[in-house]
Amino acid sequence: IRLYITDVRPLQDACLFHQASLLASSVRREKLAHLPKKQQILFLGAELLLQRALYDLGYTDIQLNYTYGRYGKPSLRDYPDVHFSISHSG
């Protein structure tokens, strides 16, 4: 088990938020647009942190194509052996 945490406060800067959002998948970017600003920051921070964790584990070319379980828990469609849990509370 690995635990990653991050400080999302830098994403409050509009320019940095925009640049960082370009690193998210198009599906996740679309979902961002429908969230309140505070939730956008937490959501994007969680996405970027997951990308970093996967990179650290050697998944350098991974595409974040999500699938969702019965209760909405995301998993990676093309990597069923990768399990993660994300909390993005304030």
PDB file of N, CA and C in Angstrom:
ATOM      1  N   ILE A   1       0.845  -1.171   0.000  1.00  0.00           N
ATOM      2  CA  ILE A   1       0.000   0.000   0.000  1.00  0.00           C
ATOM      3  C   ILE A   1       0.891   1.235   0.000  1.00  0.00           C
ATOM      4  N   ARG A   2       0.535   2.170  -0.824  1.00  0.00           N
ATOM      5  CA  ARG A   2       1.217   3.465  -0.861  1.00  0.00           C
ATOM      6  C   ARG A   2       0.175   4.538  -0.598  1.00  0.00           C
ATOM      7  N   LEU A   3       0.590   5.548   0.119  1.00  0.00           N
ATOM      8  CA  LEU A   3      -0.293   6.657   0.436  1.00  0.00           C
ATOM      9  C   LEU A   3       0.309   7.927  -0.139  1.00  0.00           C
ATOM     10  N   TYR A   4      -0.482   8.644  -0.899  1.00  0.00           N
ATOM     11  CA  TYR A   4      -0.056   9.914  -1.476  1.00  0.00           C
ATOM     12  C   TYR A   4      -1.015  10.999  -0.990  1.00  0.00           C
ATOM     13  N   ILE A   5      -0.459  12.124  -0.623  1.00  0.00           N
ATOM     14  CA  ILE A   5      -1.278  13.289  -0.288  1.00  0.00           C
ATOM     15  C   ILE A   5      -0.671  14.504  -0.985  1.00  0.00           C
ATOM     16  N   THR A   6      -1.485  15.509  -1.185  1.00  0.00           N
ATOM     17  CA  THR A   6      -0.989  16.715  -1.841  1.00  0.00           C
ATOM     18  C   THR A   6      -1.743  17.935  -1.337  1.00  0.00           C
ATOM     19  N   ASP A   7      -1.145  19.058  -1.517  1.00  0.00           N
ATOM     20  CA  ASP A   7      -1.741  20.340  -1.195  1.00  0.00           C
ATOM     21  C   ASP A   7      -2.257  20.933  -2.507  1.00  0.00           C
ATOM     22  N   VAL A   8      -3.553  21.098  -2.611  1.00  0.00           N
ATOM     23  CA  VAL A   8      -4.139  21.586  -3.862  1.00  0.00           C
ATOM     24  C   VAL A   8      -4.265  23.105  -3.912  1.00  0.00           C
ATOM     25  N   ARG A   9      -3.854  23.781  -2.869  1.00  0.00           N
ATOM     26  CA  ARG A   9      -4.001  25.244  -2.844  1.00  0.00           C
ATOM     27  C   ARG A   9      -3.353  25.951  -4.037  1.00  0.00           C
ATOM     28  N   PRO A  10      -2.203  25.485  -4.558  1.00  0.00           N
ATOM     29  CA  PRO A  10      -1.647  26.167  -5.739  1.00  0.00           C
ATOM     30  C   PRO A  10      -2.601  26.170  -6.941  1.00  0.00           C
ATOM     31  N   LEU A  11      -3.521  25.199  -6.994  1.00  0.00           N
ATOM     32  CA  LEU A  11      -4.470  25.141  -8.107  1.00  0.00           C
ATOM     33  C   LEU A  11      -5.539  26.229  -8.028  1.00  0.00           C
ATOM     34  N   GLN A  12      -5.537  27.004  -6.956  1.00  0.00           N
ATOM     35  CA  GLN A  12      -6.458  28.139  -6.866  1.00  0.00           C
ATOM     36  C   GLN A  12      -6.059  29.248  -7.838  1.00  0.00           C
ATOM     37  N   ASP A  13      -4.813  29.248  -8.266  1.00  0.00           N
ATOM     38  CA  ASP A  13      -4.348  30.199  -9.271  1.00  0.00           C
ATOM     39  C   ASP A  13      -4.944  29.782 -10.621  1.00  0.00           C
ATOM     40  N   ALA A  14      -5.691  30.686 -11.247  1.00  0.00           N
ATOM     41  CA  ALA A  14      -6.415  30.358 -12.479  1.00  0.00           C
ATOM     42  C   ALA A  14      -5.505  29.881 -13.600  1.00  0.00           C
ATOM     43  N   CYS A  15      -4.358  30.503 -13.754  1.00  0.00           N
ATOM     44  CA  CYS A  15      -3.431  30.124 -14.821  1.00  0.00           C
ATOM     45  C   CYS A  15      -2.878  28.713 -14.587  1.00  0.00           C
ATOM     46  N   LEU A  16      -2.456  28.457 -13.368  1.00  0.00           N
ATOM     47  CA  LEU A  16      -1.928  27.133 -13.034  1.00  0.00           C
ATOM     48  C   LEU A  16      -3.024  26.075 -13.154  1.00  0.00           C
ATOM     49  N   PHE A  17      -4.227  26.410 -12.707  1.00  0.00           N
ATOM     50  CA  PHE A  17      -5.346  25.472 -12.824  1.00  0.00           C
ATOM     51  C   PHE A  17      -5.580  25.108 -14.285  1.00  0.00           C
ATOM     52  N   HIS A  18      -5.590  26.113 -15.150  1.00  0.00           N
ATOM     53  CA  HIS A  18      -5.810  25.863 -16.576  1.00  0.00           C
ATOM     54  C   HIS A  18      -4.720  24.950 -17.142  1.00  0.00           C
ATOM     55  N   GLN A  19      -3.461  25.260 -16.847  1.00  0.00           N
ATOM     56  CA  GLN A  19      -2.352  24.441 -17.350  1.00  0.00           C
ATOM     57  C   GLN A  19      -2.458  23.010 -16.830  1.00  0.00           C
ATOM     58  N   ALA A  20      -2.762  22.866 -15.556  1.00  0.00           N
ATOM     59  CA  ALA A  20      -2.862  21.533 -14.953  1.00  0.00           C
ATOM     60  C   ALA A  20      -4.048  20.763 -15.523  1.00  0.00           C
ATOM     61  N   SER A  21      -5.124  21.458 -15.828  1.00  0.00           N
ATOM     62  CA  SER A  21      -6.307  20.767 -16.357  1.00  0.00           C
ATOM     63  C   SER A  21      -6.030  20.140 -17.719  1.00  0.00           C
ATOM     64  N   LEU A  22      -5.060  20.677 -18.444  1.00  0.00           N
ATOM     65  CA  LEU A  22      -4.704  20.104 -19.744  1.00  0.00           C
ATOM     66  C   LEU A  22      -4.061  18.732 -19.603  1.00  0.00           C
ATOM     67  N   LEU A  23      -3.592  18.400 -18.408  1.00  0.00           N
ATOM     68  CA  LEU A  23      -2.989  17.088 -18.155  1.00  0.00           C
ATOM     69  C   LEU A  23      -4.033  16.016 -17.867  1.00  0.00           C
ATOM     70  N   ALA A  24      -5.256  16.440 -17.583  1.00  0.00           N
ATOM     71  CA  ALA A  24      -6.339  15.491 -17.301  1.00  0.00           C
ATOM     72  C   ALA A  24      -6.917  14.956 -18.610  1.00  0.00           C
ATOM     73  N   SER A  25      -7.559  13.823 -18.539  1.00  0.00           N
ATOM     74  CA  SER A  25      -8.197  13.260 -19.724  1.00  0.00           C
ATOM     75  C   SER A  25      -9.357  14.151 -20.152  1.00  0.00           C
ATOM     76  N   SER A  26      -9.749  14.041 -21.398  1.00  0.00           N
ATOM     77  CA  SER A  26     -10.840  14.880 -21.907  1.00  0.00           C
ATOM     78  C   SER A  26     -12.141  14.594 -21.156  1.00  0.00           C
ATOM     79  N   VAL A  27     -12.364  13.356 -20.797  1.00  0.00           N
ATOM     80  CA  VAL A  27     -13.568  12.992 -20.032  1.00  0.00           C
ATOM     81  C   VAL A  27     -13.554  13.683 -18.678  1.00  0.00           C
ATOM     82  N   ARG A  28     -12.401  13.673 -18.016  1.00  0.00           N
ATOM     83  CA  ARG A  28     -12.293  14.312 -16.702  1.00  0.00           C
ATOM     84  C   ARG A  28     -12.389  15.827 -16.827  1.00  0.00           C
ATOM     85  N   ARG A  29     -11.837  16.403 -17.880  1.00  0.00           N
ATOM     86  CA  ARG A  29     -11.949  17.853 -18.092  1.00  0.00           C
ATOM     87  C   ARG A  29     -13.409  18.262 -18.268  1.00  0.00           C
ATOM     88  N   GLU A  30     -14.154  17.454 -18.985  1.00  0.00           N
ATOM     89  CA  GLU A  30     -15.577  17.756 -19.177  1.00  0.00           C
ATOM     90  C   GLU A  30     -16.320  17.691 -17.844  1.00  0.00           C
ATOM     91  N   LYS A  31     -15.989  16.709 -17.037  1.00  0.00           N
ATOM     92  CA  LYS A  31     -16.633  16.585 -15.728  1.00  0.00           C
ATOM     93  C   LYS A  31     -16.276  17.784 -14.839  1.00  0.00           C
ATOM     94  N   LEU A  32     -15.041  18.265 -14.950  1.00  0.00           N
ATOM     95  CA  LEU A  32     -14.606  19.439 -14.188  1.00  0.00           C
ATOM     96  C   LEU A  32     -15.517  20.634 -14.429  1.00  0.00           C
ATOM     97  N   ALA A  33     -15.917  20.810 -15.671  1.00  0.00           N
ATOM     98  CA  ALA A  33     -16.694  21.990 -16.057  1.00  0.00           C
ATOM     99  C   ALA A  33     -18.041  22.061 -15.340  1.00  0.00           C
ATOM    100  N   HIS A  34     -18.528  20.951 -14.850  1.00  0.00           N
ATOM    101  CA  HIS A  34     -19.846  20.914 -14.226  1.00  0.00           C
ATOM    102  C   HIS A  34     -19.791  20.965 -12.701  1.00  0.00           C
ATOM    103  N   LEU A  35     -18.608  21.166 -12.152  1.00  0.00           N
ATOM    104  CA  LEU A  35     -18.454  21.207 -10.704  1.00  0.00           C
ATOM    105  C   LEU A  35     -18.266  22.637 -10.216  1.00  0.00           C
ATOM    106  N   PRO A  36     -18.647  22.907  -8.967  1.00  0.00           N
ATOM    107  CA  PRO A  36     -18.309  24.214  -8.382  1.00  0.00           C
ATOM    108  C   PRO A  36     -16.793  24.351  -8.284  1.00  0.00           C
ATOM    109  N   LYS A  37     -16.292  25.583  -8.271  1.00  0.00           N
ATOM    110  CA  LYS A  37     -14.847  25.824  -8.333  1.00  0.00           C
ATOM    111  C   LYS A  37     -14.065  25.060  -7.264  1.00  0.00           C
ATOM    112  N   LYS A  38     -14.530  25.072  -6.012  1.00  0.00           N
ATOM    113  CA  LYS A  38     -13.802  24.370  -4.946  1.00  0.00           C
ATOM    114  C   LYS A  38     -13.702  22.878  -5.262  1.00  0.00           C
ATOM    115  N   GLN A  39     -14.772  22.311  -5.750  1.00  0.00           N
ATOM    116  CA  GLN A  39     -14.762  20.893  -6.105  1.00  0.00           C
ATOM    117  C   GLN A  39     -13.876  20.633  -7.318  1.00  0.00           C
ATOM    118  N   GLN A  40     -13.818  21.584  -8.243  1.00  0.00           N
ATOM    119  CA  GLN A  40     -12.927  21.439  -9.404  1.00  0.00           C
ATOM    120  C   GLN A  40     -11.484  21.293  -8.951  1.00  0.00           C
ATOM    121  N   ILE A  41     -11.087  22.109  -8.003  1.00  0.00           N
ATOM    122  CA  ILE A  41      -9.710  22.079  -7.517  1.00  0.00           C
ATOM    123  C   ILE A  41      -9.398  20.742  -6.856  1.00  0.00           C
ATOM    124  N   LEU A  42     -10.300  20.267  -6.011  1.00  0.00           N
ATOM    125  CA  LEU A  42     -10.084  18.978  -5.342  1.00  0.00           C
ATOM    126  C   LEU A  42     -10.072  17.833  -6.350  1.00  0.00           C
ATOM    127  N   PHE A  43     -10.990  17.874  -7.295  1.00  0.00           N
ATOM    128  CA  PHE A  43     -11.122  16.834  -8.313  1.00  0.00           C
ATOM    129  C   PHE A  43      -9.870  16.768  -9.187  1.00  0.00           C
ATOM    130  N   LEU A  44      -9.401  17.937  -9.643  1.00  0.00           N
ATOM    131  CA  LEU A  44      -8.204  17.979 -10.477  1.00  0.00           C
ATOM    132  C   LEU A  44      -6.975  17.555  -9.687  1.00  0.00           C
ATOM    133  N   GLY A  45      -6.872  18.006  -8.448  1.00  0.00           N
ATOM    134  CA  GLY A  45      -5.747  17.600  -7.605  1.00  0.00           C
ATOM    135  C   GLY A  45      -5.686  16.095  -7.437  1.00  0.00           C
ATOM    136  N   ALA A  46      -6.841  15.465  -7.247  1.00  0.00           N
ATOM    137  CA  ALA A  46      -6.891  14.006  -7.108  1.00  0.00           C
ATOM    138  C   ALA A  46      -6.466  13.319  -8.394  1.00  0.00           C
ATOM    139  N   GLU A  47      -6.914  13.845  -9.514  1.00  0.00           N
ATOM    140  CA  GLU A  47      -6.539  13.281 -10.822  1.00  0.00           C
ATOM    141  C   GLU A  47      -5.028  13.345 -11.041  1.00  0.00           C
ATOM    142  N   LEU A  48      -4.441  14.498 -10.752  1.00  0.00           N
ATOM    143  CA  LEU A  48      -3.001  14.666 -10.941  1.00  0.00           C
ATOM    144  C   LEU A  48      -2.203  13.790  -9.978  1.00  0.00           C
ATOM    145  N   LEU A  49      -2.706  13.654  -8.776  1.00  0.00           N
ATOM    146  CA  LEU A  49      -2.023  12.811  -7.799  1.00  0.00           C
ATOM    147  C   LEU A  49      -2.058  11.342  -8.226  1.00  0.00           C
ATOM    148  N   LEU A  50      -3.174  10.898  -8.767  1.00  0.00           N
ATOM    149  CA  LEU A  50      -3.260   9.530  -9.277  1.00  0.00           C
ATOM    150  C   LEU A  50      -2.277   9.334 -10.421  1.00  0.00           C
ATOM    151  N   GLN A  51      -2.197  10.296 -11.316  1.00  0.00           N
ATOM    152  CA  GLN A  51      -1.227  10.195 -12.417  1.00  0.00           C
ATOM    153  C   GLN A  51       0.191  10.068 -11.873  1.00  0.00           C
ATOM    154  N   ARG A  52       0.510  10.861 -10.858  1.00  0.00           N
ATOM    155  CA  ARG A  52       1.854  10.821 -10.268  1.00  0.00           C
ATOM    156  C   ARG A  52       2.124   9.462  -9.621  1.00  0.00           C
ATOM    157  N   ALA A  53       1.164   8.951  -8.889  1.00  0.00           N
ATOM    158  CA  ALA A  53       1.333   7.654  -8.230  1.00  0.00           C
ATOM    159  C   ALA A  53       1.561   6.550  -9.262  1.00  0.00           C
ATOM    160  N   LEU A  54       0.801   6.568 -10.332  1.00  0.00           N
ATOM    161  CA  LEU A  54       0.963   5.558 -11.373  1.00  0.00           C
ATOM    162  C   LEU A  54       2.330   5.679 -12.040  1.00  0.00           C
ATOM    163  N   TYR A  55       2.770   6.893 -12.268  1.00  0.00           N
ATOM    164  CA  TYR A  55       4.097   7.127 -12.843  1.00  0.00           C
ATOM    165  C   TYR A  55       5.177   6.566 -11.913  1.00  0.00           C
ATOM    166  N   ASP A  56       5.050   6.824 -10.622  1.00  0.00           N
ATOM    167  CA  ASP A  56       6.018   6.313  -9.646  1.00  0.00           C
ATOM    168  C   ASP A  56       6.077   4.789  -9.648  1.00  0.00           C
ATOM    169  N   LEU A  57       4.956   4.158  -9.975  1.00  0.00           N
ATOM    170  CA  LEU A  57       4.887   2.694 -10.006  1.00  0.00           C
ATOM    171  C   LEU A  57       5.353   2.118 -11.343  1.00  0.00           C
ATOM    172  N   GLY A  58       5.767   2.990 -12.252  1.00  0.00           N
ATOM    173  CA  GLY A  58       6.301   2.520 -13.527  1.00  0.00           C
ATOM    174  C   GLY A  58       5.316   2.533 -14.676  1.00  0.00           C
ATOM    175  N   TYR A  59       4.109   3.020 -14.446  1.00  0.00           N
ATOM    176  CA  TYR A  59       3.117   3.116 -15.513  1.00  0.00           C
ATOM    177  C   TYR A  59       3.290   4.462 -16.208  1.00  0.00           C
ATOM    178  N   THR A  60       4.289   4.540 -17.079  1.00  0.00           N
ATOM    179  CA  THR A  60       4.636   5.831 -17.678  1.00  0.00           C
ATOM    180  C   THR A  60       3.792   6.165 -18.902  1.00  0.00           C
ATOM    181  N   ASP A  61       3.243   5.187 -19.562  1.00  0.00           N
ATOM    182  CA  ASP A  61       2.448   5.434 -20.769  1.00  0.00           C
ATOM    183  C   ASP A  61       0.974   5.136 -20.557  1.00  0.00           C
ATOM    184  N   ILE A  62       0.543   5.167 -19.331  1.00  0.00           N
ATOM    185  CA  ILE A  62      -0.817   4.764 -19.008  1.00  0.00           C
ATOM    186  C   ILE A  62      -1.831   5.822 -19.451  1.00  0.00           C
ATOM    187  N   GLN A  63      -2.909   5.358 -20.005  1.00  0.00           N
ATOM    188  CA  GLN A  63      -4.034   6.219 -20.344  1.00  0.00           C
ATOM    189  C   GLN A  63      -5.071   6.044 -19.240  1.00  0.00           C
ATOM    190  N   LEU A  64      -5.582   7.131 -18.730  1.00  0.00           N
ATOM    191  CA  LEU A  64      -6.554   7.037 -17.654  1.00  0.00           C
ATOM    192  C   LEU A  64      -7.962   6.913 -18.235  1.00  0.00           C
ATOM    193  N   ASN A  65      -8.247   5.710 -18.730  1.00  0.00           N
ATOM    194  CA  ASN A  65      -9.582   5.389 -19.224  1.00  0.00           C
ATOM    195  C   ASN A  65     -10.320   4.713 -18.087  1.00  0.00           C
ATOM    196  N   TYR A  66     -11.239   5.446 -17.502  1.00  0.00           N
ATOM    197  CA  TYR A  66     -11.936   4.952 -16.325  1.00  0.00           C
ATOM    198  C   TYR A  66     -13.147   4.118 -16.685  1.00  0.00           C
ATOM    199  N   THR A  67     -13.442   3.214 -15.802  1.00  0.00           N
ATOM    200  CA  THR A  67     -14.715   2.511 -15.792  1.00  0.00           C
ATOM    201  C   THR A  67     -15.216   2.653 -14.358  1.00  0.00           C
ATOM    202  N   TYR A  68     -16.505   2.530 -14.170  1.00  0.00           N
ATOM    203  CA  TYR A  68     -17.070   2.763 -12.847  1.00  0.00           C
ATOM    204  C   TYR A  68     -17.873   1.564 -12.396  1.00  0.00           C
ATOM    205  N   GLY A  69     -17.651   1.196 -11.142  1.00  0.00           N
ATOM    206  CA  GLY A  69     -18.360   0.071 -10.551  1.00  0.00           C
ATOM    207  C   GLY A  69     -19.797   0.415 -10.203  1.00  0.00           C
ATOM    208  N   ARG A  70     -20.447  -0.532  -9.647  1.00  0.00           N
ATOM    209  CA  ARG A  70     -21.868  -0.427  -9.305  1.00  0.00           C
ATOM    210  C   ARG A  70     -22.188   0.813  -8.458  1.00  0.00           C
ATOM    211  N   TYR A  71     -21.292   1.162  -7.545  1.00  0.00           N
ATOM    212  CA  TYR A  71     -21.529   2.290  -6.653  1.00  0.00           C
ATOM    213  C   TYR A  71     -20.715   3.532  -7.027  1.00  0.00           C
ATOM    214  N   GLY A  72     -20.185   3.549  -8.254  1.00  0.00           N
ATOM    215  CA  GLY A  72     -19.479   4.717  -8.748  1.00  0.00           C
ATOM    216  C   GLY A  72     -17.977   4.735  -8.507  1.00  0.00           C
ATOM    217  N   LYS A  73     -17.417   3.666  -7.908  1.00  0.00           N
ATOM    218  CA  LYS A  73     -15.979   3.629  -7.660  1.00  0.00           C
ATOM    219  C   LYS A  73     -15.235   3.476  -8.985  1.00  0.00           C
ATOM    220  N   PRO A  74     -14.294   4.387  -9.261  1.00  0.00           N
ATOM    221  CA  PRO A  74     -13.560   4.299 -10.521  1.00  0.00           C
ATOM    222  C   PRO A  74     -12.470   3.230 -10.483  1.00  0.00           C
ATOM    223  N   SER A  75     -12.199   2.683 -11.638  1.00  0.00           N
ATOM    224  CA  SER A  75     -11.049   1.801 -11.830  1.00  0.00           C
ATOM    225  C   SER A  75     -10.534   2.072 -13.240  1.00  0.00           C
ATOM    226  N   LEU A  76      -9.361   1.550 -13.538  1.00  0.00           N
ATOM    227  CA  LEU A  76      -8.760   1.777 -14.852  1.00  0.00           C
ATOM    228  C   LEU A  76      -9.127   0.621 -15.770  1.00  0.00           C
ATOM    229  N   ARG A  77      -9.844   0.922 -16.808  1.00  0.00           N
ATOM    230  CA  ARG A  77     -10.367  -0.094 -17.718  1.00  0.00           C
ATOM    231  C   ARG A  77      -9.265  -0.998 -18.275  1.00  0.00           C
ATOM    232  N   ASP A  78      -8.140  -0.422 -18.661  1.00  0.00           N
ATOM    233  CA  ASP A  78      -7.080  -1.187 -19.316  1.00  0.00           C
ATOM    234  C   ASP A  78      -6.066  -1.787 -18.354  1.00  0.00           C
ATOM    235  N   TYR A  79      -6.216  -1.506 -17.059  1.00  0.00           N
ATOM    236  CA  TYR A  79      -5.271  -1.988 -16.053  1.00  0.00           C
ATOM    237  C   TYR A  79      -6.036  -2.535 -14.849  1.00  0.00           C
ATOM    238  N   PRO A  80      -6.699  -3.689 -15.006  1.00  0.00           N
ATOM    239  CA  PRO A  80      -7.507  -4.229 -13.915  1.00  0.00           C
ATOM    240  C   PRO A  80      -6.697  -4.631 -12.683  1.00  0.00           C
ATOM    241  N   ASP A  81      -5.375  -4.749 -12.824  1.00  0.00           N
ATOM    242  CA  ASP A  81      -4.530  -5.113 -11.686  1.00  0.00           C
ATOM    243  C   ASP A  81      -4.171  -3.907 -10.822  1.00  0.00           C
ATOM    244  N   VAL A  82      -4.500  -2.712 -11.269  1.00  0.00           N
ATOM    245  CA  VAL A  82      -4.214  -1.493 -10.515  1.00  0.00           C
ATOM    246  C   VAL A  82      -5.455  -1.114  -9.715  1.00  0.00           C
ATOM    247  N   HIS A  83      -5.290  -1.015  -8.414  1.00  0.00           N
ATOM    248  CA  HIS A  83      -6.396  -0.657  -7.511  1.00  0.00           C
ATOM    249  C   HIS A  83      -6.031   0.622  -6.786  1.00  0.00           C
ATOM    250  N   PHE A  84      -6.984   1.506  -6.636  1.00  0.00           N
ATOM    251  CA  PHE A  84      -6.726   2.767  -5.952  1.00  0.00           C
ATOM    252  C   PHE A  84      -8.015   3.261  -5.310  1.00  0.00           C
ATOM    253  N   SER A  85      -7.844   4.103  -4.352  1.00  0.00           N
ATOM    254  CA  SER A  85      -8.955   4.750  -3.684  1.00  0.00           C
ATOM    255  C   SER A  85      -8.582   6.215  -3.497  1.00  0.00           C
ATOM    256  N   ILE A  86      -9.452   7.089  -3.938  1.00  0.00           N
ATOM    257  CA  ILE A  86      -9.154   8.519  -3.881  1.00  0.00           C
ATOM    258  C   ILE A  86     -10.181   9.215  -2.993  1.00  0.00           C
ATOM    259  N   SER A  87      -9.674  10.014  -2.094  1.00  0.00           N
ATOM    260  CA  SER A  87     -10.531  10.869  -1.286  1.00  0.00           C
ATOM    261  C   SER A  87     -10.096  12.298  -1.552  1.00  0.00           C
ATOM    262  N   HIS A  88     -11.032  13.134  -1.905  1.00  0.00           N
ATOM    263  CA  HIS A  88     -10.688  14.542  -2.103  1.00  0.00           C
ATOM    264  C   HIS A  88     -11.644  15.407  -1.300  1.00  0.00           C
ATOM    265  N   SER A  89     -11.464  15.280  -0.010  1.00  0.00           N
ATOM    266  CA  SER A  89     -12.266  16.099   0.893  1.00  0.00           C
ATOM    267  C   SER A  89     -11.486  17.365   1.235  1.00  0.00           C
ATOM    268  N   GLY A  90     -12.185  18.352   1.723  1.00  0.00           N
ATOM    269  CA  GLY A  90     -11.533  19.591   2.096  1.00  0.00           C
ATOM    270  C   GLY A  90     -10.710  19.419   3.342  1.00  0.00           C
TER     271      GLY A  90
END
